[in-house]
Amino acid sequence: SQVLGWDATTGAPEPVTLASLNLDSGVYTPTLTNVANLSASTAYEAQYLRVGSTVVVSGRVDVDPTLTVTQTQLGISLPIASNFGALSDCAGTGSALAIAGQTAGIQADTTNDRAEMAWISGDVTNQPMSYIFSYQVI
C-alpha cells in the first residue's frame, strides 16, 4: 500500500510505499553473554520495532551476579545486525524491579557489535531485569 510522503528536493507531496519506509517489527530471543560478575543469565523473548535505520528493543532477562557492589556486564545480541563504531551508537536502560536502586545503563559493545547492559550489582540472587534500548543500523 502507499502513503503520502514529501519530496526532499521540491517539498511537494508524493506517494511512497510502506516498503520504502523500511518498517519492520517482530520478536526474537537474544543470545546473552556473561561478560563480568555473572554466574548465569536467562534470555526471554524480546520485541523490536524498526523504522528506517532506527531499531528499538525491549525485553526481560534474568541475571545472577556473583558479588555485590561490583561492576556487572551482560552482552545482548541484536535482532538486526549493526556495525557499532562508538559507545553512543546504542543507548538504553534496565532495571531490576525487586532490587531497590539496581538500575543499568545500556551502550554499544563496539568490539562485538551487540548491546551491553552494565550496572553495579545490588544483590546476588537470580533476579529479573527489564530493559529497553535503541540503536542505529550502520
Protein backbone atom coordinates (compact mmCIF):
# COMPACT_ATOMS: atom_id res chain seq x y z
CA SER A 1 0.00 0.00 0.00
CA GLN A 2 1.01 3.62 -0.33
CA VAL A 3 1.06 6.62 1.96
CA LEU A 4 1.73 10.27 1.19
CA GLY A 5 5.29 11.48 1.71
CA TRP A 6 7.22 14.59 0.81
CA ASP A 7 9.82 15.04 -1.89
CA ALA A 8 13.02 16.18 -0.14
CA THR A 9 14.02 18.43 -3.05
CA THR A 10 10.77 20.14 -4.02
CA GLY A 11 8.73 19.75 -0.82
CA ALA A 12 5.83 18.51 -2.92
CA PRO A 13 3.70 15.59 -1.75
CA GLU A 14 4.47 12.26 -3.38
CA PRO A 15 3.23 8.70 -2.84
CA VAL A 16 5.61 6.29 -1.13
CA THR A 17 5.21 2.62 -0.40
CA LEU A 18 5.40 1.27 3.13
CA ALA A 19 8.25 -1.00 1.99
CA SER A 20 10.31 2.08 1.05
CA LEU A 21 9.98 3.34 4.64
CA ASN A 22 11.86 0.25 5.87
CA LEU A 23 9.38 -0.67 8.61
CA ASP A 24 9.78 -3.94 10.47
CA SER A 25 8.73 -5.41 13.78
CA GLY A 26 8.89 -8.77 15.45
CA VAL A 27 10.15 -10.86 18.31
CA TYR A 28 13.44 -12.67 18.92
CA THR A 29 15.23 -14.35 21.79
CA PRO A 30 18.59 -12.64 22.22
CA THR A 31 21.82 -14.51 22.77
CA LEU A 32 23.30 -13.40 26.09
CA THR A 33 26.98 -13.23 27.01
CA ASN A 34 28.01 -13.10 30.68
CA VAL A 35 30.79 -10.51 30.39
CA ALA A 36 31.55 -9.69 34.04
CA ASN A 37 30.35 -10.76 37.51
CA LEU A 38 27.60 -13.10 36.30
CA SER A 39 27.34 -16.80 37.06
CA ALA A 40 24.20 -17.21 34.95
CA SER A 41 21.71 -15.34 32.77
CA THR A 42 18.50 -16.30 31.02
CA ALA A 43 17.03 -14.69 27.92
CA TYR A 44 13.33 -14.35 27.21
CA GLU A 45 11.57 -13.42 24.01
CA ALA A 46 12.03 -9.70 23.31
CA GLN A 47 10.28 -7.42 20.84
CA TYR A 48 11.69 -4.93 18.37
CA LEU A 49 10.46 -2.20 16.06
CA ARG A 50 12.47 -0.82 13.15
CA VAL A 51 11.67 2.50 11.48
CA GLY A 52 14.22 3.39 8.80
CA SER A 53 17.63 2.79 10.33
CA THR A 54 16.48 3.08 13.97
CA VAL A 55 15.67 -0.06 15.98
CA VAL A 56 14.02 -0.08 19.42
CA VAL A 57 14.25 -3.25 21.53
CA SER A 58 12.60 -4.13 24.84
CA GLY A 59 12.55 -7.27 26.91
CA ARG A 60 13.50 -9.10 30.07
CA VAL A 61 16.49 -11.12 31.24
CA ASP A 62 17.20 -12.97 34.47
CA VAL A 63 20.66 -12.30 35.88
CA ASP A 64 22.59 -13.97 38.70
CA PRO A 65 25.53 -11.81 39.86
CA THR A 66 28.44 -13.41 41.70
CA LEU A 67 29.34 -10.48 44.02
CA THR A 68 27.51 -7.41 45.32
CA VAL A 69 28.75 -3.86 44.83
CA THR A 70 30.66 -4.97 41.72
CA GLN A 71 30.62 -3.82 38.10
CA THR A 72 28.39 -6.31 36.25
CA GLN A 73 28.07 -6.59 32.46
CA LEU A 74 25.78 -8.56 30.17
CA GLY A 75 26.04 -8.71 26.37
CA ILE A 76 22.72 -8.76 24.47
CA SER A 77 22.60 -9.71 20.77
CA LEU A 78 20.72 -7.51 18.33
CA PRO A 79 17.65 -8.51 16.29
CA ILE A 80 19.02 -6.67 13.23
CA ALA A 81 22.80 -6.59 12.81
CA SER A 82 24.74 -3.32 13.07
CA ASN A 83 28.39 -2.30 12.99
CA PHE A 84 28.92 -0.16 16.08
CA GLY A 85 31.78 2.33 15.93
CA ALA A 86 31.06 4.34 19.09
CA LEU A 87 29.61 3.57 22.53
CA SER A 88 26.78 6.01 21.80
CA ASP A 89 25.60 4.04 18.73
CA CYS A 90 23.34 2.15 21.17
CA ALA A 91 21.72 3.54 24.33
CA GLY A 92 19.12 2.49 26.88
CA THR A 93 18.34 1.48 30.42
CA GLY A 94 17.43 -1.54 32.50
CA SER A 95 16.07 -2.12 35.98
CA ALA A 96 15.59 -4.91 38.50
CA LEU A 97 12.13 -4.09 39.78
CA ALA A 98 12.58 -6.06 43.03
CA ILE A 99 16.01 -4.62 43.99
CA ALA A 100 15.99 -1.05 45.28
CA GLY A 101 18.25 1.14 43.19
CA GLN A 102 19.50 -1.59 40.84
CA THR A 103 19.41 0.17 37.50
CA ALA A 104 21.60 -0.38 34.47
CA GLY A 105 22.86 1.61 31.53
CA ILE A 106 22.98 0.11 28.05
CA GLN A 107 25.55 1.11 25.45
CA ALA A 108 27.16 -0.30 22.31
CA ASP A 109 29.78 -3.01 22.62
CA THR A 110 31.93 -1.83 19.71
CA THR A 111 34.14 -4.93 19.75
CA ASN A 112 31.32 -7.47 19.44
CA ASP A 113 28.58 -5.35 17.76
CA ARG A 114 25.97 -6.03 20.44
CA ALA A 115 24.26 -4.12 23.25
CA GLU A 116 25.92 -4.22 26.66
CA MET A 117 23.97 -3.73 29.87
CA ALA A 118 26.15 -2.62 32.79
CA TRP A 119 25.35 -1.95 36.43
CA ILE A 120 26.70 -2.19 39.98
CA SER A 121 25.15 -5.33 41.43
CA GLY A 122 23.00 -4.84 44.50
CA ASP A 123 22.08 -8.48 45.08
CA VAL A 124 23.48 -11.96 44.42
CA THR A 125 20.22 -13.79 43.82
CA ASN A 126 18.81 -14.58 40.38
CA GLN A 127 16.67 -11.53 39.53
CA PRO A 128 14.66 -10.40 36.50
CA MET A 129 15.68 -7.13 34.84
CA SER A 130 13.55 -5.33 32.27
CA TYR A 131 15.32 -3.29 29.59
CA ILE A 132 14.79 -1.01 26.62
CA PHE A 133 17.38 0.30 24.17
CA SER A 134 17.62 1.78 20.71
CA TYR A 135 20.35 1.79 18.09
CA GLN A 136 21.12 2.76 14.51
CA VAL A 137 21.67 0.12 11.86
CA ILE A 138 25.06 1.10 10.48
